[in-house]
Amino acid sequence: MLTSVHPKLPMRDKNVTKRFYVDLMGFEVYGMTDYDGYLMVSRDHIQIHFFEFPDLDPAENYGQVYIRVSEIDSFYQSLLKNKVSIHPGGPLEVKPWGQKEFSILDPDNNLLTFGEPLL
């Protein structure tokens, strides 16, 4: 039986990735051990893992994660307050498939799309 999923995304610099997710996105570092070249962050009920890939060309990175959220409007506003750039093609909007969504790119060009179902 499947119980959860923790996506693994590439990162060039662990400190840059940690600052982005912890300071701007409101995540916490997960775990008590600081692994060389590996980072785990969590927020609420999700985790995202990162593996070090120093030679990553962000223009060629196609890492993507879709994250379901509740209270998407307040989450979106909290990111704007923290000056997180919203993807130019992904502002907060209602989609034809019944989701309210927006997208951001992290420092390594990993695409994170956040969505909440319309009721």
PDB file of N, CA and C in Angstrom:
ATOM      1  N   MET A   1       0.844  -1.171   0.000  1.00  0.00           N
ATOM      2  CA  MET A   1       0.000   0.000   0.000  1.00  0.00           C
ATOM      3  C   MET A   1       0.898   1.245   0.000  1.00  0.00           C
ATOM      4  N   LEU A   2       0.644   2.172  -0.898  1.00  0.00           N
ATOM      5  CA  LEU A   2       1.402   3.413  -0.971  1.00  0.00           C
ATOM      6  C   LEU A   2       0.877   4.385   0.078  1.00  0.00           C
ATOM      7  N   THR A   3       1.791   5.074   0.763  1.00  0.00           N
ATOM      8  CA  THR A   3       1.356   5.978   1.820  1.00  0.00           C
ATOM      9  C   THR A   3       1.784   7.430   1.619  1.00  0.00           C
ATOM     10  N   SER A   4       2.871   7.668   0.923  1.00  0.00           N
ATOM     11  CA  SER A   4       3.301   9.046   0.691  1.00  0.00           C
ATOM     12  C   SER A   4       4.386   9.051  -0.378  1.00  0.00           C
ATOM     13  N   VAL A   5       4.712  10.234  -0.849  1.00  0.00           N
ATOM     14  CA  VAL A   5       5.781  10.392  -1.828  1.00  0.00           C
ATOM     15  C   VAL A   5       6.617  11.605  -1.427  1.00  0.00           C
ATOM     16  N   HIS A   6       7.913  11.484  -1.606  1.00  0.00           N
ATOM     17  CA  HIS A   6       8.837  12.575  -1.305  1.00  0.00           C
ATOM     18  C   HIS A   6       9.699  12.800  -2.539  1.00  0.00           C
ATOM     19  N   PRO A   7       9.364  13.792  -3.350  1.00  0.00           N
ATOM     20  CA  PRO A   7      10.130  14.014  -4.570  1.00  0.00           C
ATOM     21  C   PRO A   7      11.580  14.375  -4.265  1.00  0.00           C
ATOM     22  N   LYS A   8      12.469  13.971  -5.152  1.00  0.00           N
ATOM     23  CA  LYS A   8      13.888  14.308  -5.061  1.00  0.00           C
ATOM     24  C   LYS A   8      14.225  15.185  -6.257  1.00  0.00           C
ATOM     25  N   LEU A   9      14.719  16.379  -5.960  1.00  0.00           N
ATOM     26  CA  LEU A   9      15.038  17.355  -6.988  1.00  0.00           C
ATOM     27  C   LEU A   9      16.519  17.710  -6.932  1.00  0.00           C
ATOM     28  N   PRO A  10      17.090  18.114  -8.058  1.00  0.00           N
ATOM     29  CA  PRO A  10      18.502  18.502  -8.048  1.00  0.00           C
ATOM     30  C   PRO A  10      18.708  19.900  -7.476  1.00  0.00           C
ATOM     31  N   MET A  11      19.878  20.088  -6.874  1.00  0.00           N
ATOM     32  CA  MET A  11      20.273  21.411  -6.370  1.00  0.00           C
ATOM     33  C   MET A  11      21.756  21.601  -6.660  1.00  0.00           C
ATOM     34  N   ARG A  12      22.133  22.820  -6.984  1.00  0.00           N
ATOM     35  CA  ARG A  12      23.552  23.117  -7.208  1.00  0.00           C
ATOM     36  C   ARG A  12      24.270  23.455  -5.916  1.00  0.00           C
ATOM     37  N   ASP A  13      23.619  24.172  -5.040  1.00  0.00           N
ATOM     38  CA  ASP A  13      24.254  24.666  -3.818  1.00  0.00           C
ATOM     39  C   ASP A  13      23.289  24.467  -2.653  1.00  0.00           C
ATOM     40  N   LYS A  14      23.673  23.620  -1.725  1.00  0.00           N
ATOM     41  CA  LYS A  14      22.809  23.270  -0.597  1.00  0.00           C
ATOM     42  C   LYS A  14      22.415  24.498   0.225  1.00  0.00           C
ATOM     43  N   ASN A  15      23.349  25.412   0.458  1.00  0.00           N
ATOM     44  CA  ASN A  15      23.042  26.592   1.270  1.00  0.00           C
ATOM     45  C   ASN A  15      22.030  27.510   0.589  1.00  0.00           C
ATOM     46  N   VAL A  16      22.158  27.679  -0.719  1.00  0.00           N
ATOM     47  CA  VAL A  16      21.208  28.509  -1.470  1.00  0.00           C
ATOM     48  C   VAL A  16      19.829  27.874  -1.428  1.00  0.00           C
ATOM     49  N   THR A  17      19.768  26.573  -1.657  1.00  0.00           N
ATOM     50  CA  THR A  17      18.485  25.863  -1.641  1.00  0.00           C
ATOM     51  C   THR A  17      17.852  25.935  -0.260  1.00  0.00           C
ATOM     52  N   LYS A  18      18.647  25.721   0.772  1.00  0.00           N
ATOM     53  CA  LYS A  18      18.125  25.777   2.143  1.00  0.00           C
ATOM     54  C   LYS A  18      17.569  27.157   2.462  1.00  0.00           C
ATOM     55  N   ARG A  19      18.291  28.201   2.108  1.00  0.00           N
ATOM     56  CA  ARG A  19      17.808  29.569   2.377  1.00  0.00           C
ATOM     57  C   ARG A  19      16.490  29.836   1.652  1.00  0.00           C
ATOM     58  N   PHE A  20      16.390  29.414   0.399  1.00  0.00           N
ATOM     59  CA  PHE A  20      15.170  29.649  -0.367  1.00  0.00           C
ATOM     60  C   PHE A  20      13.977  28.956   0.276  1.00  0.00           C
ATOM     61  N   TYR A  21      14.105  27.677   0.562  1.00  0.00           N
ATOM     62  CA  TYR A  21      12.966  26.916   1.073  1.00  0.00           C
ATOM     63  C   TYR A  21      12.646  27.248   2.529  1.00  0.00           C
ATOM     64  N   VAL A  22      13.645  27.481   3.348  1.00  0.00           N
ATOM     65  CA  VAL A  22      13.404  27.759   4.772  1.00  0.00           C
ATOM     66  C   VAL A  22      13.038  29.232   4.981  1.00  0.00           C
ATOM     67  N   ASP A  23      13.859  30.135   4.484  1.00  0.00           N
ATOM     68  CA  ASP A  23      13.647  31.563   4.762  1.00  0.00           C
ATOM     69  C   ASP A  23      12.495  32.169   3.967  1.00  0.00           C
ATOM     70  N   LEU A  24      12.305  31.745   2.731  1.00  0.00           N
ATOM     71  CA  LEU A  24      11.288  32.368   1.886  1.00  0.00           C
ATOM     72  C   LEU A  24      10.001  31.567   1.773  1.00  0.00           C
ATOM     73  N   MET A  25      10.115  30.235   1.794  1.00  0.00           N
ATOM     74  CA  MET A  25       8.951  29.378   1.559  1.00  0.00           C
ATOM     75  C   MET A  25       8.324  28.835   2.841  1.00  0.00           C
ATOM     76  N   GLY A  26       8.987  29.018   3.974  1.00  0.00           N
ATOM     77  CA  GLY A  26       8.414  28.579   5.241  1.00  0.00           C
ATOM     78  C   GLY A  26       8.599  27.110   5.572  1.00  0.00           C
ATOM     79  N   PHE A  27       9.519  26.429   4.888  1.00  0.00           N
ATOM     80  CA  PHE A  27       9.818  25.033   5.204  1.00  0.00           C
ATOM     81  C   PHE A  27      10.784  24.966   6.379  1.00  0.00           C
ATOM     82  N   GLU A  28      10.946  23.790   6.930  1.00  0.00           N
ATOM     83  CA  GLU A  28      11.945  23.519   7.964  1.00  0.00           C
ATOM     84  C   GLU A  28      12.861  22.410   7.463  1.00  0.00           C
ATOM     85  N   VAL A  29      14.101  22.445   7.910  1.00  0.00           N
ATOM     86  CA  VAL A  29      15.001  21.336   7.594  1.00  0.00           C
ATOM     87  C   VAL A  29      14.482  20.110   8.319  1.00  0.00           C
ATOM     88  N   TYR A  30      14.392  19.005   7.608  1.00  0.00           N
ATOM     89  CA  TYR A  30      13.865  17.762   8.168  1.00  0.00           C
ATOM     90  C   TYR A  30      15.021  16.855   8.584  1.00  0.00           C
ATOM     91  N   GLY A  31      14.882  16.251   9.748  1.00  0.00           N
ATOM     92  CA  GLY A  31      15.892  15.307  10.223  1.00  0.00           C
ATOM     93  C   GLY A  31      16.908  15.960  11.125  1.00  0.00           C
ATOM     94  N   MET A  32      17.627  15.115  11.824  1.00  0.00           N
ATOM     95  CA  MET A  32      18.611  15.601  12.791  1.00  0.00           C
ATOM     96  C   MET A  32      20.032  15.501  12.260  1.00  0.00           C
ATOM     97  N   THR A  33      20.219  14.839  11.122  1.00  0.00           N
ATOM     98  CA  THR A  33      21.546  14.649  10.565  1.00  0.00           C
ATOM     99  C   THR A  33      21.709  15.514   9.330  1.00  0.00           C
ATOM    100  N   ASP A  34      22.843  16.208   9.246  1.00  0.00           N
ATOM    101  CA  ASP A  34      23.148  17.027   8.078  1.00  0.00           C
ATOM    102  C   ASP A  34      23.987  16.183   7.129  1.00  0.00           C
ATOM    103  N   TYR A  35      23.328  15.645   6.096  1.00  0.00           N
ATOM    104  CA  TYR A  35      24.011  14.776   5.142  1.00  0.00           C
ATOM    105  C   TYR A  35      24.750  15.605   4.100  1.00  0.00           C
ATOM    106  N   ASP A  36      25.963  15.197   3.800  1.00  0.00           N
ATOM    107  CA  ASP A  36      26.756  15.869   2.781  1.00  0.00           C
ATOM    108  C   ASP A  36      26.080  15.696   1.421  1.00  0.00           C
ATOM    109  N   GLY A  37      25.799  16.815   0.751  1.00  0.00           N
ATOM    110  CA  GLY A  37      25.234  16.756  -0.586  1.00  0.00           C
ATOM    111  C   GLY A  37      23.771  16.366  -0.656  1.00  0.00           C
ATOM    112  N   TYR A  38      23.066  16.399   0.468  1.00  0.00           N
ATOM    113  CA  TYR A  38      21.655  16.000   0.485  1.00  0.00           C
ATOM    114  C   TYR A  38      20.915  16.905   1.466  1.00  0.00           C
ATOM    115  N   LEU A  39      19.695  17.285   1.104  1.00  0.00           N
ATOM    116  CA  LEU A  39      18.892  18.158   1.946  1.00  0.00           C
ATOM    117  C   LEU A  39      17.455  17.660   1.943  1.00  0.00           C
ATOM    118  N   MET A  40      16.834  17.670   3.098  1.00  0.00           N
ATOM    119  CA  MET A  40      15.427  17.324   3.223  1.00  0.00           C
ATOM    120  C   MET A  40      14.733  18.481   3.933  1.00  0.00           C
ATOM    121  N   VAL A  41      13.632  18.947   3.347  1.00  0.00           N
ATOM    122  CA  VAL A  41      12.841  20.005   3.972  1.00  0.00           C
ATOM    123  C   VAL A  41      11.401  19.541   4.080  1.00  0.00           C
ATOM    124  N   SER A  42      10.692  20.108   5.060  1.00  0.00           N
ATOM    125  CA  SER A  42       9.289  19.729   5.242  1.00  0.00           C
ATOM    126  C   SER A  42       8.478  20.962   5.613  1.00  0.00           C
ATOM    127  N   ARG A  43       7.213  20.860   5.282  1.00  0.00           N
ATOM    128  CA  ARG A  43       6.247  21.877   5.688  1.00  0.00           C
ATOM    129  C   ARG A  43       4.896  21.182   5.744  1.00  0.00           C
ATOM    130  N   ASP A  44       4.224  21.357   6.871  1.00  0.00           N
ATOM    131  CA  ASP A  44       2.923  20.726   7.079  1.00  0.00           C
ATOM    132  C   ASP A  44       3.048  19.218   6.843  1.00  0.00           C
ATOM    133  N   HIS A  45       2.408  18.681   5.800  1.00  0.00           N
ATOM    134  CA  HIS A  45       2.395  17.231   5.588  1.00  0.00           C
ATOM    135  C   HIS A  45       3.262  16.769   4.430  1.00  0.00           C
ATOM    136  N   ILE A  46       4.150  17.647   3.922  1.00  0.00           N
ATOM    137  CA  ILE A  46       4.970  17.215   2.786  1.00  0.00           C
ATOM    138  C   ILE A  46       6.454  17.352   3.089  1.00  0.00           C
ATOM    139  N   GLN A  47       7.229  16.596   2.335  1.00  0.00           N
ATOM    140  CA  GLN A  47       8.686  16.689   2.348  1.00  0.00           C
ATOM    141  C   GLN A  47       9.157  16.805   0.909  1.00  0.00           C
ATOM    142  N   ILE A  48      10.225  17.556   0.730  1.00  0.00           N
ATOM    143  CA  ILE A  48      10.929  17.575  -0.548  1.00  0.00           C
ATOM    144  C   ILE A  48      12.388  17.285  -0.241  1.00  0.00           C
ATOM    145  N   HIS A  49      12.979  16.395  -1.005  1.00  0.00           N
ATOM    146  CA  HIS A  49      14.385  16.037  -0.848  1.00  0.00           C
ATOM    147  C   HIS A  49      15.169  16.608  -2.025  1.00  0.00           C
ATOM    148  N   PHE A  50      16.425  16.943  -1.781  1.00  0.00           N
ATOM    149  CA  PHE A  50      17.302  17.499  -2.801  1.00  0.00           C
ATOM    150  C   PHE A  50      18.629  16.771  -2.788  1.00  0.00           C
ATOM    151  N   PHE A  51      19.141  16.485  -3.964  1.00  0.00           N
ATOM    152  CA  PHE A  51      20.462  15.881  -4.095  1.00  0.00           C
ATOM    153  C   PHE A  51      21.378  16.876  -4.796  1.00  0.00           C
ATOM    154  N   GLU A  52      22.627  16.888  -4.374  1.00  0.00           N
ATOM    155  CA  GLU A  52      23.583  17.837  -4.926  1.00  0.00           C
ATOM    156  C   GLU A  52      23.964  17.450  -6.355  1.00  0.00           C
ATOM    157  N   PHE A  53      23.902  18.442  -7.234  1.00  0.00           N
ATOM    158  CA  PHE A  53      24.256  18.279  -8.634  1.00  0.00           C
ATOM    159  C   PHE A  53      24.935  19.587  -9.052  1.00  0.00           C
ATOM    160  N   PRO A  54      26.217  19.763  -8.664  1.00  0.00           N
ATOM    161  CA  PRO A  54      26.886  21.054  -8.869  1.00  0.00           C
ATOM    162  C   PRO A  54      27.005  21.472 -10.334  1.00  0.00           C
ATOM    163  N   ASP A  55      26.999  20.530 -11.250  1.00  0.00           N
ATOM    164  CA  ASP A  55      27.134  20.861 -12.669  1.00  0.00           C
ATOM    165  C   ASP A  55      25.791  21.072 -13.362  1.00  0.00           C
ATOM    166  N   LEU A  56      24.719  21.109 -12.599  1.00  0.00           N
ATOM    167  CA  LEU A  56      23.389  21.310 -13.174  1.00  0.00           C
ATOM    168  C   LEU A  56      23.321  22.628 -13.931  1.00  0.00           C
ATOM    169  N   ASP A  57      22.813  22.577 -15.137  1.00  0.00           N
ATOM    170  CA  ASP A  57      22.518  23.785 -15.900  1.00  0.00           C
ATOM    171  C   ASP A  57      21.036  24.067 -15.690  1.00  0.00           C
ATOM    172  N   PRO A  58      20.689  25.113 -14.928  1.00  0.00           N
ATOM    173  CA  PRO A  58      19.276  25.372 -14.638  1.00  0.00           C
ATOM    174  C   PRO A  58      18.408  25.472 -15.890  1.00  0.00           C
ATOM    175  N   ALA A  59      18.983  25.945 -16.997  1.00  0.00           N
ATOM    176  CA  ALA A  59      18.204  26.066 -18.231  1.00  0.00           C
ATOM    177  C   ALA A  59      17.818  24.695 -18.787  1.00  0.00           C
ATOM    178  N   GLU A  60      18.504  23.647 -18.335  1.00  0.00           N
ATOM    179  CA  GLU A  60      18.207  22.294 -18.814  1.00  0.00           C
ATOM    180  C   GLU A  60      17.560  21.424 -17.740  1.00  0.00           C
ATOM    181  N   ASN A  61      17.153  22.032 -16.647  1.00  0.00           N
ATOM    182  CA  ASN A  61      16.520  21.286 -15.555  1.00  0.00           C
ATOM    183  C   ASN A  61      15.013  21.273 -15.746  1.00  0.00           C
ATOM    184  N   TYR A  62      14.455  20.079 -15.747  1.00  0.00           N
ATOM    185  CA  TYR A  62      13.019  19.933 -15.928  1.00  0.00           C
ATOM    186  C   TYR A  62      12.341  19.327 -14.694  1.00  0.00           C
ATOM    187  N   GLY A  63      12.975  19.466 -13.520  1.00  0.00           N
ATOM    188  CA  GLY A  63      12.372  18.974 -12.289  1.00  0.00           C
ATOM    189  C   GLY A  63      11.066  19.694 -12.019  1.00  0.00           C
ATOM    190  N   GLN A  64      10.033  18.914 -11.692  1.00  0.00           N
ATOM    191  CA  GLN A  64       8.720  19.499 -11.436  1.00  0.00           C
ATOM    192  C   GLN A  64       8.019  18.744 -10.320  1.00  0.00           C
ATOM    193  N   VAL A  65       7.267  19.489  -9.506  1.00  0.00           N
ATOM    194  CA  VAL A  65       6.463  18.894  -8.442  1.00  0.00           C
ATOM    195  C   VAL A  65       5.127  19.629  -8.409  1.00  0.00           C
ATOM    196  N   TYR A  66       4.048  18.872  -8.252  1.00  0.00           N
ATOM    197  CA  TYR A  66       2.718  19.453  -8.070  1.00  0.00           C
ATOM    198  C   TYR A  66       2.342  19.226  -6.613  1.00  0.00           C
ATOM    199  N   ILE A  67       2.026  20.303  -5.899  1.00  0.00           N
ATOM    200  CA  ILE A  67       1.734  20.233  -4.474  1.00  0.00           C
ATOM    201  C   ILE A  67       0.318  20.723  -4.227  1.00  0.00           C
ATOM    202  N   ARG A  68      -0.499  19.864  -3.656  1.00  0.00           N
ATOM    203  CA  ARG A  68      -1.867  20.266  -3.306  1.00  0.00           C
ATOM    204  C   ARG A  68      -1.825  21.026  -1.981  1.00  0.00           C
ATOM    205  N   VAL A  69      -2.585  22.109  -1.934  1.00  0.00           N
ATOM    206  CA  VAL A  69      -2.599  22.960  -0.743  1.00  0.00           C
ATOM    207  C   VAL A  69      -4.037  23.286  -0.359  1.00  0.00           C
ATOM    208  N   SER A  70      -4.193  23.745   0.859  1.00  0.00           N
ATOM    209  CA  SER A  70      -5.451  24.352   1.291  1.00  0.00           C
ATOM    210  C   SER A  70      -5.131  25.818   1.574  1.00  0.00           C
ATOM    211  N   GLU A  71      -6.132  26.661   1.489  1.00  0.00           N
ATOM    212  CA  GLU A  71      -5.942  28.095   1.718  1.00  0.00           C
ATOM    213  C   GLU A  71      -4.881  28.679   0.786  1.00  0.00           C
ATOM    214  N   ILE A  72      -5.028  28.388  -0.495  1.00  0.00           N
ATOM    215  CA  ILE A  72      -4.028  28.792  -1.481  1.00  0.00           C
ATOM    216  C   ILE A  72      -3.847  30.302  -1.559  1.00  0.00           C
ATOM    217  N   ASP A  73      -4.921  31.057  -1.356  1.00  0.00           N
ATOM    218  CA  ASP A  73      -4.808  32.516  -1.437  1.00  0.00           C
ATOM    219  C   ASP A  73      -3.863  33.074  -0.376  1.00  0.00           C
ATOM    220  N   SER A  74      -3.993  32.596   0.853  1.00  0.00           N
ATOM    221  CA  SER A  74      -3.110  33.105   1.915  1.00  0.00           C
ATOM    222  C   SER A  74      -1.681  32.611   1.726  1.00  0.00           C
ATOM    223  N   PHE A  75      -1.517  31.382   1.245  1.00  0.00           N
ATOM    224  CA  PHE A  75      -0.168  30.873   0.968  1.00  0.00           C
ATOM    225  C   PHE A  75       0.491  31.717  -0.127  1.00  0.00           C
ATOM    226  N   TYR A  76      -0.248  31.991  -1.177  1.00  0.00           N
ATOM    227  CA  TYR A  76       0.247  32.818  -2.284  1.00  0.00           C
ATOM    228  C   TYR A  76       0.681  34.191  -1.764  1.00  0.00           C
ATOM    229  N   GLN A  77      -0.158  34.812  -0.935  1.00  0.00           N
ATOM    230  CA  GLN A  77       0.164  36.129  -0.386  1.00  0.00           C
ATOM    231  C   GLN A  77       1.413  36.085   0.491  1.00  0.00           C
ATOM    232  N   SER A  78       1.595  34.991   1.241  1.00  0.00           N
ATOM    233  CA  SER A  78       2.790  34.878   2.089  1.00  0.00           C
ATOM    234  C   SER A  78       4.056  34.803   1.237  1.00  0.00           C
ATOM    235  N   LEU A  79       3.977  34.155   0.082  1.00  0.00           N
ATOM    236  CA  LEU A  79       5.142  34.090  -0.802  1.00  0.00           C
ATOM    237  C   LEU A  79       5.429  35.453  -1.423  1.00  0.00           C
ATOM    238  N   LEU A  80       4.379  36.150  -1.831  1.00  0.00           N
ATOM    239  CA  LEU A  80       4.579  37.501  -2.369  1.00  0.00           C
ATOM    240  C   LEU A  80       5.213  38.410  -1.316  1.00  0.00           C
ATOM    241  N   LYS A  81       4.745  38.299  -0.085  1.00  0.00           N
ATOM    242  CA  LYS A  81       5.301  39.100   1.018  1.00  0.00           C
ATOM    243  C   LYS A  81       6.794  38.829   1.200  1.00  0.00           C
ATOM    244  N   ASN A  82       7.191  37.563   0.996  1.00  0.00           N
ATOM    245  CA  ASN A  82       8.600  37.184   1.128  1.00  0.00           C
ATOM    246  C   ASN A  82       9.385  37.397  -0.161  1.00  0.00           C
ATOM    247  N   LYS A  83       8.745  38.037  -1.154  1.00  0.00           N
ATOM    248  CA  LYS A  83       9.380  38.376  -2.423  1.00  0.00           C
ATOM    249  C   LYS A  83       9.817  37.148  -3.226  1.00  0.00           C
ATOM    250  N   VAL A  84       9.037  36.068  -3.125  1.00  0.00           N
ATOM    251  CA  VAL A  84       9.258  34.895  -3.970  1.00  0.00           C
ATOM    252  C   VAL A  84       8.672  35.227  -5.334  1.00  0.00           C
ATOM    253  N   SER A  85       9.466  35.045  -6.371  1.00  0.00           N
ATOM    254  CA  SER A  85       8.995  35.344  -7.729  1.00  0.00           C
ATOM    255  C   SER A  85       8.024  34.278  -8.199  1.00  0.00           C
ATOM    256  N   ILE A  86       6.892  34.734  -8.681  1.00  0.00           N
ATOM    257  CA  ILE A  86       5.899  33.837  -9.263  1.00  0.00           C
ATOM    258  C   ILE A  86       6.292  33.603 -10.720  1.00  0.00           C
ATOM    259  N   HIS A  87       6.158  32.368 -11.175  1.00  0.00           N
ATOM    260  CA  HIS A  87       6.509  32.031 -12.555  1.00  0.00           C
ATOM    261  C   HIS A  87       5.706  32.932 -13.495  1.00  0.00           C
ATOM    262  N   PRO A  88       6.353  33.521 -14.510  1.00  0.00           N
ATOM    263  CA  PRO A  88       5.620  34.425 -15.409  1.00  0.00           C
ATOM    264  C   PRO A  88       4.432  33.759 -16.104  1.00  0.00           C
ATOM    265  N   GLY A  89       4.508  32.457 -16.319  1.00  0.00           N
ATOM    266  CA  GLY A  89       3.400  31.750 -16.947  1.00  0.00           C
ATOM    267  C   GLY A  89       2.482  31.078 -15.950  1.00  0.00           C
ATOM    268  N   GLY A  90       2.671  31.355 -14.659  1.00  0.00           N
ATOM    269  CA  GLY A  90       1.897  30.647 -13.655  1.00  0.00           C
ATOM    270  C   GLY A  90       1.354  31.482 -12.530  1.00  0.00           C
ATOM    271  N   PRO A  91       0.716  32.627 -12.819  1.00  0.00           N
ATOM    272  CA  PRO A  91       0.129  33.396 -11.723  1.00  0.00           C
ATOM    273  C   PRO A  91      -1.074  32.660 -11.132  1.00  0.00           C
ATOM    274  N   LEU A  92      -1.468  33.075  -9.959  1.00  0.00           N
ATOM    275  CA  LEU A  92      -2.618  32.463  -9.299  1.00  0.00           C
ATOM    276  C   LEU A  92      -3.865  32.678 -10.152  1.00  0.00           C
ATOM    277  N   GLU A  93      -4.482  31.570 -10.561  1.00  0.00           N
ATOM    278  CA  GLU A  93      -5.695  31.665 -11.367  1.00  0.00           C
ATOM    279  C   GLU A  93      -6.463  30.350 -11.309  1.00  0.00           C
ATOM    280  N   VAL A  94      -7.733  30.459 -11.653  1.00  0.00           N
ATOM    281  CA  VAL A  94      -8.587  29.281 -11.726  1.00  0.00           C
ATOM    282  C   VAL A  94      -8.371  28.619 -13.082  1.00  0.00           C
ATOM    283  N   LYS A  95      -8.120  27.321 -13.048  1.00  0.00           N
ATOM    284  CA  LYS A  95      -7.862  26.556 -14.266  1.00  0.00           C
ATOM    285  C   LYS A  95      -9.135  25.847 -14.718  1.00  0.00           C
ATOM    286  N   PRO A  96      -9.235  25.537 -16.010  1.00  0.00           N
ATOM    287  CA  PRO A  96     -10.438  24.870 -16.525  1.00  0.00           C
ATOM    288  C   PRO A  96     -10.689  23.490 -15.912  1.00  0.00           C
ATOM    289  N   TRP A  97      -9.663  22.884 -15.341  1.00  0.00           N
ATOM    290  CA  TRP A  97      -9.812  21.547 -14.759  1.00  0.00           C
ATOM    291  C   TRP A  97     -10.232  21.585 -13.294  1.00  0.00           C
ATOM    292  N   GLY A  98     -10.697  22.743 -12.826  1.00  0.00           N
ATOM    293  CA  GLY A  98     -11.277  22.835 -11.499  1.00  0.00           C
ATOM    294  C   GLY A  98     -10.282  23.021 -10.370  1.00  0.00           C
ATOM    295  N   GLN A  99      -9.130  23.576 -10.675  1.00  0.00           N
ATOM    296  CA  GLN A  99      -8.116  23.853  -9.664  1.00  0.00           C
ATOM    297  C   GLN A  99      -7.792  25.341  -9.685  1.00  0.00           C
ATOM    298  N   LYS A 100      -7.453  25.882  -8.524  1.00  0.00           N
ATOM    299  CA  LYS A 100      -6.865  27.218  -8.432  1.00  0.00           C
ATOM    300  C   LYS A 100      -5.379  26.963  -8.243  1.00  0.00           C
ATOM    301  N   GLU A 101      -4.541  27.515  -9.112  1.00  0.00           N
ATOM    302  CA  GLU A 101      -3.121  27.156  -9.129  1.00  0.00           C
ATOM    303  C   GLU A 101      -2.224  28.369  -9.337  1.00  0.00           C
ATOM    304  N   PHE A 102      -0.954  28.177  -8.953  1.00  0.00           N
ATOM    305  CA  PHE A 102       0.130  29.075  -9.328  1.00  0.00           C
ATOM    306  C   PHE A 102       1.424  28.290  -9.306  1.00  0.00           C
ATOM    307  N   SER A 103       2.459  28.846  -9.938  1.00  0.00           N
ATOM    308  CA  SER A 103       3.746  28.156 -10.034  1.00  0.00           C
ATOM    309  C   SER A 103       4.897  29.095  -9.711  1.00  0.00           C
ATOM    310  N   ILE A 104       5.972  28.508  -9.204  1.00  0.00           N
ATOM    311  CA  ILE A 104       7.220  29.237  -8.965  1.00  0.00           C
ATOM    312  C   ILE A 104       8.378  28.385  -9.471  1.00  0.00           C
ATOM    313  N   LEU A 105       9.523  29.025  -9.648  1.00  0.00           N
ATOM    314  CA  LEU A 105      10.763  28.323  -9.943  1.00  0.00           C
ATOM    315  C   LEU A 105      11.710  28.538  -8.777  1.00  0.00           C
ATOM    316  N   ASP A 106      12.350  27.479  -8.324  1.00  0.00           N
ATOM    317  CA  ASP A 106      13.333  27.636  -7.255  1.00  0.00           C
ATOM    318  C   ASP A 106      14.675  28.054  -7.867  1.00  0.00           C
ATOM    319  N   PRO A 107      15.715  28.263  -7.060  1.00  0.00           N
ATOM    320  CA  PRO A 107      16.989  28.747  -7.591  1.00  0.00           C
ATOM    321  C   PRO A 107      17.630  27.837  -8.645  1.00  0.00           C
ATOM    322  N   ASP A 108      17.217  26.582  -8.703  1.00  0.00           N
ATOM    323  CA  ASP A 108      17.779  25.646  -9.682  1.00  0.00           C
ATOM    324  C   ASP A 108      16.831  25.361 -10.831  1.00  0.00           C
ATOM    325  N   ASN A 109      15.780  26.146 -10.929  1.00  0.00           N
ATOM    326  CA  ASN A 109      14.799  26.037 -11.998  1.00  0.00           C
ATOM    327  C   ASN A 109      13.868  24.842 -11.851  1.00  0.00           C
ATOM    328  N   ASN A 110      13.764  24.290 -10.643  1.00  0.00           N
ATOM    329  CA  ASN A 110      12.745  23.274 -10.377  1.00  0.00           C
ATOM    330  C   ASN A 110      11.403  23.988 -10.328  1.00  0.00           C
ATOM    331  N   LEU A 111      10.434  23.464 -11.063  1.00  0.00           N
ATOM    332  CA  LEU A 111       9.107  24.064 -11.112  1.00  0.00           C
ATOM    333  C   LEU A 111       8.238  23.474 -10.017  1.00  0.00           C
ATOM    334  N   LEU A 112       7.693  24.344  -9.172  1.00  0.00           N
ATOM    335  CA  LEU A 112       6.749  23.921  -8.150  1.00  0.00           C
ATOM    336  C   LEU A 112       5.404  24.544  -8.473  1.00  0.00           C
ATOM    337  N   THR A 113       4.403  23.704  -8.696  1.00  0.00           N
ATOM    338  CA  THR A 113       3.054  24.180  -8.946  1.00  0.00           C
ATOM    339  C   THR A 113       2.204  23.823  -7.740  1.00  0.00           C
ATOM    340  N   PHE A 114       1.472  24.795  -7.249  1.00  0.00           N
ATOM    341  CA  PHE A 114       0.618  24.614  -6.079  1.00  0.00           C
ATOM    342  C   PHE A 114      -0.824  24.705  -6.545  1.00  0.00           C
ATOM    343  N   GLY A 115      -1.663  23.780  -6.080  1.00  0.00           N
ATOM    344  CA  GLY A 115      -3.055  23.775  -6.504  1.00  0.00           C
ATOM    345  C   GLY A 115      -4.012  23.408  -5.401  1.00  0.00           C
ATOM    346  N   GLU A 116      -5.183  24.030  -5.458  1.00  0.00           N
ATOM    347  CA  GLU A 116      -6.263  23.742  -4.521  1.00  0.00           C
ATOM    348  C   GLU A 116      -7.534  23.493  -5.336  1.00  0.00           C
ATOM    349  N   PRO A 117      -8.240  22.392  -5.048  1.00  0.00           N
ATOM    350  CA  PRO A 117      -9.466  22.138  -5.796  1.00  0.00           C
ATOM    351  C   PRO A 117     -10.550  23.160  -5.456  1.00  0.00           C
ATOM    352  N   LEU A 118     -11.319  23.523  -6.466  1.00  0.00           N
ATOM    353  CA  LEU A 118     -12.453  24.411  -6.259  1.00  0.00           C
ATOM    354  C   LEU A 118     -13.595  23.600  -5.669  1.00  0.00           C
ATOM    355  N   LEU A 119     -14.343  24.186  -4.794  1.00  0.00           N
ATOM    356  CA  LEU A 119     -15.447  23.466  -4.183  1.00  0.00           C
ATOM    357  C   LEU A 119     -16.759  23.801  -4.841  1.00  0.00           C
TER     358      LEU A 119
END
